Every structure is written in structure tokens, then in C-alpha cells.
PDB file of all heavy atoms in Angstrom:
ATOM      1  N   ILE A   1      19.133  73.071  48.195  1.00  0.00           N
ATOM      2  CA  ILE A   1      19.943  73.936  47.436  1.00  0.00           C
ATOM      3  C   ILE A   1      19.474  73.780  45.985  1.00  0.00           C
ATOM      4  O   ILE A   1      19.282  74.746  45.268  1.00  0.00           O
ATOM      5  CB  ILE A   1      21.403  73.544  47.556  1.00  0.00           C
ATOM      6  CG1 ILE A   1      21.900  74.028  48.977  1.00  0.00           C
ATOM      7  CG2 ILE A   1      22.221  74.291  46.514  1.00  0.00           C
ATOM      8  CD1 ILE A   1      23.335  73.531  49.287  1.00  0.00           C
ATOM      9  N   ARG A   2      19.251  72.538  45.607  1.00  0.00           N
ATOM     10  CA  ARG A   2      18.705  72.282  44.198  1.00  0.00           C
ATOM     11  C   ARG A   2      17.462  72.983  43.962  1.00  0.00           C
ATOM     12  O   ARG A   2      17.327  73.631  42.967  1.00  0.00           O
ATOM     13  CB  ARG A   2      18.648  70.810  44.010  1.00  0.00           C
ATOM     14  CG  ARG A   2      18.039  70.562  42.512  1.00  0.00           C
ATOM     15  CD  ARG A   2      17.444  69.192  42.290  1.00  0.00           C
ATOM     16  NE  ARG A   2      16.256  69.074  43.063  1.00  0.00           N
ATOM     17  CZ  ARG A   2      16.006  67.972  43.803  1.00  0.00           C
ATOM     18  NH1 ARG A   2      16.702  66.927  43.883  1.00  0.00           N
ATOM     19  NH2 ARG A   2      14.762  67.936  44.489  1.00  0.00           N
ATOM     20  N   MET A   3      16.580  72.974  44.942  1.00  0.00           N
ATOM     21  CA  MET A   3      15.212  73.700  44.729  1.00  0.00           C
ATOM     22  C   MET A   3      15.354  75.123  44.585  1.00  0.00           C
ATOM     23  O   MET A   3      14.765  75.768  43.785  1.00  0.00           O
ATOM     24  CB  MET A   3      14.228  73.267  45.872  1.00  0.00           C
ATOM     25  CG  MET A   3      13.783  71.941  45.797  1.00  0.00           C
ATOM     26  SD  MET A   3      12.801  71.276  47.139  1.00  0.00           S
ATOM     27  CE  MET A   3      11.511  72.535  47.256  1.00  0.00           C
ATOM     28  N   ILE A   4      16.268  75.770  45.471  1.00  0.00           N
ATOM     29  CA  ILE A   4      16.481  77.217  45.353  1.00  0.00           C
ATOM     30  C   ILE A   4      16.976  77.574  44.107  1.00  0.00           C
ATOM     31  O   ILE A   4      16.540  78.426  43.456  1.00  0.00           O
ATOM     32  CB  ILE A   4      17.401  77.580  46.546  1.00  0.00           C
ATOM     33  CG1 ILE A   4      16.703  77.407  47.872  1.00  0.00           C
ATOM     34  CG2 ILE A   4      17.837  79.010  46.391  1.00  0.00           C
ATOM     35  CD1 ILE A   4      17.722  77.744  49.094  1.00  0.00           C
ATOM     36  N   LEU A   5      18.055  76.854  43.625  1.00  0.00           N
ATOM     37  CA  LEU A   5      18.701  77.191  42.368  1.00  0.00           C
ATOM     38  C   LEU A   5      17.730  76.883  41.108  1.00  0.00           C
ATOM     39  O   LEU A   5      17.628  77.833  40.290  1.00  0.00           O
ATOM     40  CB  LEU A   5      19.975  76.377  42.226  1.00  0.00           C
ATOM     41  CG  LEU A   5      21.112  76.849  43.148  1.00  0.00           C
ATOM     42  CD1 LEU A   5      22.286  75.868  43.028  1.00  0.00           C
ATOM     43  CD2 LEU A   5      21.519  78.321  42.821  1.00  0.00           C
ATOM     44  N   ALA A   6      17.066  75.836  41.116  1.00  0.00           N
ATOM     45  CA  ALA A   6      16.171  75.459  40.066  1.00  0.00           C
ATOM     46  C   ALA A   6      14.997  76.442  40.020  1.00  0.00           C
ATOM     47  O   ALA A   6      14.677  76.961  38.928  1.00  0.00           O
ATOM     48  CB  ALA A   6      15.660  74.073  40.249  1.00  0.00           C
ATOM     49  N   ASN A   7      14.459  76.892  41.123  1.00  0.00           N
ATOM     50  CA  ASN A   7      13.430  77.965  41.066  1.00  0.00           C
ATOM     51  C   ASN A   7      13.847  79.214  40.665  1.00  0.00           C
ATOM     52  O   ASN A   7      13.069  79.971  40.129  1.00  0.00           O
ATOM     53  CB  ASN A   7      12.761  77.956  42.508  1.00  0.00           C
ATOM     54  CG  ASN A   7      11.959  76.739  42.804  1.00  0.00           C
ATOM     55  OD1 ASN A   7      11.489  76.137  42.019  1.00  0.00           O
ATOM     56  ND2 ASN A   7      11.707  76.539  44.176  1.00  0.00           N
ATOM     57  N   ALA A   8      15.067  79.593  40.800  1.00  0.00           N
ATOM     58  CA  ALA A   8      15.692  80.790  40.211  1.00  0.00           C
ATOM     59  C   ALA A   8      16.078  80.733  38.893  1.00  0.00           C
ATOM     60  O   ALA A   8      16.437  81.805  38.268  1.00  0.00           O
ATOM     61  CB  ALA A   8      16.961  81.046  41.114  1.00  0.00           C
ATOM     62  N   GLY A   9      15.961  79.581  38.197  1.00  0.00           N
ATOM     63  CA  GLY A   9      16.320  79.534  36.781  1.00  0.00           C
ATOM     64  C   GLY A   9      17.571  78.774  36.390  1.00  0.00           C
ATOM     65  O   GLY A   9      18.038  78.778  35.176  1.00  0.00           O
ATOM     66  N   TYR A  10      18.251  78.089  37.348  1.00  0.00           N
ATOM     67  CA  TYR A  10      19.532  77.436  37.057  1.00  0.00           C
ATOM     68  C   TYR A  10      19.270  75.982  36.769  1.00  0.00           C
ATOM     69  O   TYR A  10      18.232  75.406  37.351  1.00  0.00           O
ATOM     70  CB  TYR A  10      20.508  77.460  38.238  1.00  0.00           C
ATOM     71  CG  TYR A  10      21.014  78.852  38.490  1.00  0.00           C
ATOM     72  CD1 TYR A  10      20.359  79.724  39.417  1.00  0.00           C
ATOM     73  CD2 TYR A  10      22.211  79.225  37.810  1.00  0.00           C
ATOM     74  CE1 TYR A  10      20.913  80.969  39.603  1.00  0.00           C
ATOM     75  CE2 TYR A  10      22.686  80.587  38.034  1.00  0.00           C
ATOM     76  CZ  TYR A  10      22.039  81.308  38.940  1.00  0.00           C
ATOM     77  OH  TYR A  10      22.534  82.731  39.125  1.00  0.00           O
ATOM     78  N   GLU A  11      20.088  75.392  35.945  1.00  0.00           N
ATOM     79  CA  GLU A  11      20.071  73.902  35.708  1.00  0.00           C
ATOM     80  C   GLU A  11      20.954  73.348  36.733  1.00  0.00           C
ATOM     81  O   GLU A  11      22.044  73.814  36.848  1.00  0.00           O
ATOM     82  CB  GLU A  11      20.512  73.525  34.300  1.00  0.00           C
ATOM     83  CG  GLU A  11      20.542  72.080  34.026  1.00  0.00           C
ATOM     84  CD  GLU A  11      21.140  71.726  32.549  1.00  0.00           C
ATOM     85  OE1 GLU A  11      21.040  72.758  31.718  1.00  0.00           O
ATOM     86  OE2 GLU A  11      21.527  70.706  32.478  1.00  0.00           O
ATOM     87  N   VAL A  12      20.551  72.339  37.476  1.00  0.00           N
ATOM     88  CA  VAL A  12      21.318  71.833  38.621  1.00  0.00           C
ATOM     89  C   VAL A  12      21.545  70.326  38.404  1.00  0.00           C
ATOM     90  O   VAL A  12      20.702  69.468  38.190  1.00  0.00           O
ATOM     91  CB  VAL A  12      20.579  72.015  39.953  1.00  0.00           C
ATOM     92  CG1 VAL A  12      21.387  71.587  41.177  1.00  0.00           C
ATOM     93  CG2 VAL A  12      20.171  73.483  40.170  1.00  0.00           C
ATOM     94  N   ALA A  13      22.834  69.931  38.600  1.00  0.00           N
ATOM     95  CA  ALA A  13      23.267  68.570  38.674  1.00  0.00           C
ATOM     96  C   ALA A  13      23.673  68.428  40.156  1.00  0.00           C
ATOM     97  O   ALA A  13      24.188  69.141  40.800  1.00  0.00           O
ATOM     98  CB  ALA A  13      24.477  68.300  37.764  1.00  0.00           C
ATOM     99  N   GLU A  14      23.434  67.065  40.607  1.00  0.00           N
ATOM    100  CA  GLU A  14      23.718  66.773  42.084  1.00  0.00           C
ATOM    101  C   GLU A  14      24.763  65.666  42.153  1.00  0.00           C
ATOM    102  O   GLU A  14      24.677  64.718  41.376  1.00  0.00           O
ATOM    103  CB  GLU A  14      22.496  66.379  42.717  1.00  0.00           C
ATOM    104  CG  GLU A  14      21.409  67.558  42.900  1.00  0.00           C
ATOM    105  CD  GLU A  14      20.271  66.909  43.586  1.00  0.00           C
ATOM    106  OE1 GLU A  14      20.275  66.442  44.793  1.00  0.00           O
ATOM    107  OE2 GLU A  14      19.092  66.949  42.916  1.00  0.00           O
ATOM    108  N   ALA A  15      25.628  65.743  43.162  1.00  0.00           N
ATOM    109  CA  ALA A  15      26.509  64.634  43.550  1.00  0.00           C
ATOM    110  C   ALA A  15      26.541  64.574  45.005  1.00  0.00           C
ATOM    111  O   ALA A  15      26.620  65.500  45.706  1.00  0.00           O
ATOM    112  CB  ALA A  15      27.918  64.974  42.940  1.00  0.00           C
ATOM    113  N   ALA A  16      26.473  63.274  45.476  1.00  0.00           N
ATOM    114  CA  ALA A  16      26.516  63.057  46.968  1.00  0.00           C
ATOM    115  C   ALA A  16      27.886  62.984  47.485  1.00  0.00           C
ATOM    116  O   ALA A  16      28.054  62.899  48.734  1.00  0.00           O
ATOM    117  CB  ALA A  16      25.796  61.758  47.210  1.00  0.00           C
ATOM    118  N   ASN A  17      28.912  62.914  46.615  1.00  0.00           N
ATOM    119  CA  ASN A  17      30.356  62.913  47.210  1.00  0.00           C
ATOM    120  C   ASN A  17      31.216  63.355  45.978  1.00  0.00           C
ATOM    121  O   ASN A  17      30.746  63.524  44.874  1.00  0.00           O
ATOM    122  CB  ASN A  17      30.591  61.482  47.624  1.00  0.00           C
ATOM    123  CG  ASN A  17      30.396  60.433  46.596  1.00  0.00           C
ATOM    124  OD1 ASN A  17      31.015  60.521  45.463  1.00  0.00           O
ATOM    125  ND2 ASN A  17      29.656  59.398  46.889  1.00  0.00           N
ATOM    126  N   GLY A  18      32.542  63.426  46.345  1.00  0.00           N
ATOM    127  CA  GLY A  18      33.481  63.876  45.356  1.00  0.00           C
ATOM    128  C   GLY A  18      33.636  63.037  44.116  1.00  0.00           C
ATOM    129  O   GLY A  18      33.904  63.395  43.035  1.00  0.00           O
ATOM    130  N   GLU A  19      33.583  61.623  44.417  1.00  0.00           N
ATOM    131  CA  GLU A  19      33.665  60.671  43.319  1.00  0.00           C
ATOM    132  C   GLU A  19      32.615  60.981  42.277  1.00  0.00           C
ATOM    133  O   GLU A  19      32.752  60.974  41.026  1.00  0.00           O
ATOM    134  CB  GLU A  19      33.700  59.305  43.760  1.00  0.00           C
ATOM    135  CG  GLU A  19      34.906  58.945  44.526  1.00  0.00           C
ATOM    136  CD  GLU A  19      34.979  57.514  45.112  1.00  0.00           C
ATOM    137  OE1 GLU A  19      33.763  56.888  45.061  1.00  0.00           O
ATOM    138  OE2 GLU A  19      35.924  57.088  45.623  1.00  0.00           O
ATOM    139  N   GLU A  20      31.305  61.130  42.767  1.00  0.00           N
ATOM    140  CA  GLU A  20      30.239  61.385  41.824  1.00  0.00           C
ATOM    141  C   GLU A  20      30.497  62.670  41.114  1.00  0.00           C
ATOM    142  O   GLU A  20      30.109  62.800  39.907  1.00  0.00           O
ATOM    143  CB  GLU A  20      28.922  61.405  42.637  1.00  0.00           C
ATOM    144  CG  GLU A  20      28.424  60.185  43.010  1.00  0.00           C
ATOM    145  CD  GLU A  20      26.923  60.170  43.642  1.00  0.00           C
ATOM    146  OE1 GLU A  20      26.306  61.276  43.506  1.00  0.00           O
ATOM    147  OE2 GLU A  20      26.658  59.228  44.367  1.00  0.00           O
ATOM    148  N   ALA A  21      30.922  63.746  41.812  1.00  0.00           N
ATOM    149  CA  ALA A  21      31.035  65.034  41.183  1.00  0.00           C
ATOM    150  C   ALA A  21      32.144  64.957  40.067  1.00  0.00           C
ATOM    151  O   ALA A  21      31.945  65.452  38.907  1.00  0.00           O
ATOM    152  CB  ALA A  21      31.623  66.120  42.126  1.00  0.00           C
ATOM    153  N   ILE A  22      33.157  64.183  40.219  1.00  0.00           N
ATOM    154  CA  ILE A  22      34.227  63.921  39.139  1.00  0.00           C
ATOM    155  C   ILE A  22      33.641  63.246  38.038  1.00  0.00           C
ATOM    156  O   ILE A  22      33.842  63.618  36.892  1.00  0.00           O
ATOM    157  CB  ILE A  22      35.466  63.320  39.704  1.00  0.00           C
ATOM    158  CG1 ILE A  22      36.190  64.165  40.728  1.00  0.00           C
ATOM    159  CG2 ILE A  22      36.419  62.788  38.562  1.00  0.00           C
ATOM    160  CD1 ILE A  22      37.216  63.510  41.527  1.00  0.00           C
ATOM    161  N   GLU A  23      32.862  62.203  38.270  1.00  0.00           N
ATOM    162  CA  GLU A  23      32.227  61.486  37.155  1.00  0.00           C
ATOM    163  C   GLU A  23      31.300  62.395  36.337  1.00  0.00           C
ATOM    164  O   GLU A  23      31.197  62.297  35.063  1.00  0.00           O
ATOM    165  CB  GLU A  23      31.388  60.290  37.705  1.00  0.00           C
ATOM    166  CG  GLU A  23      32.256  59.126  38.320  1.00  0.00           C
ATOM    167  CD  GLU A  23      31.504  58.035  38.993  1.00  0.00           C
ATOM    168  OE1 GLU A  23      30.256  58.059  38.895  1.00  0.00           O
ATOM    169  OE2 GLU A  23      32.172  57.251  39.793  1.00  0.00           O
ATOM    170  N   ILE A  24      30.439  63.207  37.046  1.00  0.00           N
ATOM    171  CA  ILE A  24      29.465  64.054  36.244  1.00  0.00           C
ATOM    172  C   ILE A  24      30.284  65.074  35.435  1.00  0.00           C
ATOM    173  O   ILE A  24      29.943  65.305  34.323  1.00  0.00           O
ATOM    174  CB  ILE A  24      28.644  64.827  37.361  1.00  0.00           C
ATOM    175  CG1 ILE A  24      27.702  63.812  37.968  1.00  0.00           C
ATOM    176  CG2 ILE A  24      27.923  66.043  36.726  1.00  0.00           C
ATOM    177  CD1 ILE A  24      26.919  64.451  39.156  1.00  0.00           C
ATOM    178  N   LEU A  25      31.400  65.630  36.016  1.00  0.00           N
ATOM    179  CA  LEU A  25      32.192  66.528  35.170  1.00  0.00           C
ATOM    180  C   LEU A  25      32.813  65.867  33.969  1.00  0.00           C
ATOM    181  O   LEU A  25      32.803  66.450  32.845  1.00  0.00           O
ATOM    182  CB  LEU A  25      33.154  67.187  36.025  1.00  0.00           C
ATOM    183  CG  LEU A  25      32.585  68.440  36.865  1.00  0.00           C
ATOM    184  CD1 LEU A  25      33.749  68.961  37.869  1.00  0.00           C
ATOM    185  CD2 LEU A  25      32.052  69.524  36.053  1.00  0.00           C
ATOM    186  N   GLN A  26      33.295  64.639  34.102  1.00  0.00           N
ATOM    187  CA  GLN A  26      33.958  63.995  33.052  1.00  0.00           C
ATOM    188  C   GLN A  26      32.990  63.578  32.041  1.00  0.00           C
ATOM    189  O   GLN A  26      33.283  63.471  30.794  1.00  0.00           O
ATOM    190  CB  GLN A  26      34.775  62.681  33.666  1.00  0.00           C
ATOM    191  CG  GLN A  26      36.020  63.136  34.462  1.00  0.00           C
ATOM    192  CD  GLN A  26      36.695  62.023  35.021  1.00  0.00           C
ATOM    193  OE1 GLN A  26      36.113  60.903  35.252  1.00  0.00           O
ATOM    194  NE2 GLN A  26      37.916  62.180  35.595  1.00  0.00           N
ATOM    195  N   ALA A  27      31.733  63.352  32.475  1.00  0.00           N
ATOM    196  CA  ALA A  27      30.675  62.958  31.397  1.00  0.00           C
ATOM    197  C   ALA A  27      29.953  64.061  30.782  1.00  0.00           C
ATOM    198  O   ALA A  27      29.354  63.889  29.808  1.00  0.00           O
ATOM    199  CB  ALA A  27      29.656  62.067  32.172  1.00  0.00           C
ATOM    200  N   SER A  28      30.202  65.312  31.328  1.00  0.00           N
ATOM    201  CA  SER A  28      29.568  66.458  30.737  1.00  0.00           C
ATOM    202  C   SER A  28      30.276  66.869  29.494  1.00  0.00           C
ATOM    203  O   SER A  28      31.356  66.676  29.264  1.00  0.00           O
ATOM    204  CB  SER A  28      29.631  67.651  31.691  1.00  0.00           C
ATOM    205  OG  SER A  28      28.944  67.429  32.874  1.00  0.00           O
ATOM    206  N   GLU A  29      29.465  67.501  28.521  1.00  0.00           N
ATOM    207  CA  GLU A  29      30.015  67.860  27.164  1.00  0.00           C
ATOM    208  C   GLU A  29      30.580  69.226  27.173  1.00  0.00           C
ATOM    209  O   GLU A  29      30.078  70.110  28.026  1.00  0.00           O
ATOM    210  CB  GLU A  29      28.923  67.723  26.167  1.00  0.00           C
ATOM    211  CG  GLU A  29      28.408  66.287  26.013  1.00  0.00           C
ATOM    212  CD  GLU A  29      27.315  66.203  25.068  1.00  0.00           C
ATOM    213  OE1 GLU A  29      27.254  67.169  24.159  1.00  0.00           O
ATOM    214  OE2 GLU A  29      26.522  65.261  25.081  1.00  0.00           O
ATOM    215  N   GLY A  30      31.448  69.442  26.292  1.00  0.00           N
ATOM    216  CA  GLY A  30      31.952  70.846  26.081  1.00  0.00           C
ATOM    217  C   GLY A  30      33.219  71.193  26.967  1.00  0.00           C
ATOM    218  O   GLY A  30      33.454  70.521  27.864  1.00  0.00           O
ATOM    219  N   PRO A  31      33.754  72.328  26.592  1.00  0.00           N
ATOM    220  CA  PRO A  31      35.033  72.718  27.323  1.00  0.00           C
ATOM    221  C   PRO A  31      34.795  73.235  28.718  1.00  0.00           C
ATOM    222  O   PRO A  31      35.479  73.291  29.554  1.00  0.00           O
ATOM    223  CB  PRO A  31      35.608  73.728  26.459  1.00  0.00           C
ATOM    224  CG  PRO A  31      34.468  74.361  25.761  1.00  0.00           C
ATOM    225  CD  PRO A  31      33.517  73.252  25.413  1.00  0.00           C
ATOM    226  N   ARG A  32      33.473  73.692  28.920  1.00  0.00           N
ATOM    227  CA  ARG A  32      33.039  74.191  30.274  1.00  0.00           C
ATOM    228  C   ARG A  32      31.711  73.605  30.684  1.00  0.00           C
ATOM    229  O   ARG A  32      30.620  74.054  30.379  1.00  0.00           O
ATOM    230  CB  ARG A  32      32.763  75.729  30.164  1.00  0.00           C
ATOM    231  CG  ARG A  32      32.692  76.290  31.593  1.00  0.00           C
ATOM    232  CD  ARG A  32      32.708  77.768  31.492  1.00  0.00           C
ATOM    233  NE  ARG A  32      32.514  78.406  32.754  1.00  0.00           N
ATOM    234  CZ  ARG A  32      32.687  79.687  33.010  1.00  0.00           C
ATOM    235  NH1 ARG A  32      33.105  80.479  32.165  1.00  0.00           N
ATOM    236  NH2 ARG A  32      32.400  80.097  34.240  1.00  0.00           N
ATOM    237  N   PRO A  33      31.714  72.255  31.166  1.00  0.00           N
ATOM    238  CA  PRO A  33      30.636  71.497  31.369  1.00  0.00           C
ATOM    239  C   PRO A  33      29.627  72.060  32.500  1.00  0.00           C
ATOM    240  O   PRO A  33      28.436  71.834  32.476  1.00  0.00           O
ATOM    241  CB  PRO A  33      31.078  70.185  31.855  1.00  0.00           C
ATOM    242  CG  PRO A  33      32.482  70.467  32.422  1.00  0.00           C
ATOM    243  CD  PRO A  33      32.982  71.598  31.691  1.00  0.00           C
ATOM    244  N   MET A  34      30.134  72.925  33.366  1.00  0.00           N
ATOM    245  CA  MET A  34      29.274  73.621  34.341  1.00  0.00           C
ATOM    246  C   MET A  34      29.769  75.010  34.432  1.00  0.00           C
ATOM    247  O   MET A  34      30.838  75.418  34.060  1.00  0.00           O
ATOM    248  CB  MET A  34      29.531  72.903  35.700  1.00  0.00           C
ATOM    249  CG  MET A  34      29.124  71.593  35.946  1.00  0.00           C
ATOM    250  SD  MET A  34      27.266  71.472  35.880  1.00  0.00           S
ATOM    251  CE  MET A  34      27.089  69.706  35.587  1.00  0.00           C
ATOM    252  N   ASP A  35      28.790  75.798  34.947  1.00  0.00           N
ATOM    253  CA  ASP A  35      29.178  77.311  34.982  1.00  0.00           C
ATOM    254  C   ASP A  35      29.611  77.637  36.429  1.00  0.00           C
ATOM    255  O   ASP A  35      30.277  78.612  36.626  1.00  0.00           O
ATOM    256  CB  ASP A  35      27.895  78.136  34.713  1.00  0.00           C
ATOM    257  CG  ASP A  35      27.579  77.979  33.211  1.00  0.00           C
ATOM    258  OD1 ASP A  35      28.387  78.422  32.350  1.00  0.00           O
ATOM    259  OD2 ASP A  35      26.385  77.504  32.974  1.00  0.00           O
ATOM    260  N   ALA A  36      29.269  76.725  37.329  1.00  0.00           N
ATOM    261  CA  ALA A  36      29.718  76.950  38.695  1.00  0.00           C
ATOM    262  C   ALA A  36      29.576  75.582  39.474  1.00  0.00           C
ATOM    263  O   ALA A  36      28.809  74.681  39.198  1.00  0.00           O
ATOM    264  CB  ALA A  36      28.920  77.931  39.573  1.00  0.00           C
ATOM    265  N   ILE A  37      30.431  75.449  40.574  1.00  0.00           N
ATOM    266  CA  ILE A  37      30.422  74.274  41.433  1.00  0.00           C
ATOM    267  C   ILE A  37      30.242  74.749  42.772  1.00  0.00           C
ATOM    268  O   ILE A  37      30.961  75.554  43.263  1.00  0.00           O
ATOM    269  CB  ILE A  37      31.770  73.465  41.195  1.00  0.00           C
ATOM    270  CG1 ILE A  37      31.914  72.929  39.811  1.00  0.00           C
ATOM    271  CG2 ILE A  37      31.679  72.206  42.206  1.00  0.00           C
ATOM    272  CD1 ILE A  37      33.229  72.297  39.541  1.00  0.00           C
TER     273      ILE A  37
END
């Protein structure tokens, strides 16, 4: 999935589980740290 999205021009963050996802979002900057999950 990362390769498909990155090749299409998206910046991709990865998480192997829900805990990692929450940590990534909490560490991201700005009011909208990601455009989609």
C-alpha cells in the first residue's frame, strides 16, 4: 500500500498496529496531521 500511494505522489506514514497509529498522530504537527487514514 505504501508503494502504491508513494508512487502516486502521496506522503505515507506507516503503523503496524493501533497503538503506533495513535502515537504517530499525536506526534504529528498541526491541526490536521494527516489528510487520510
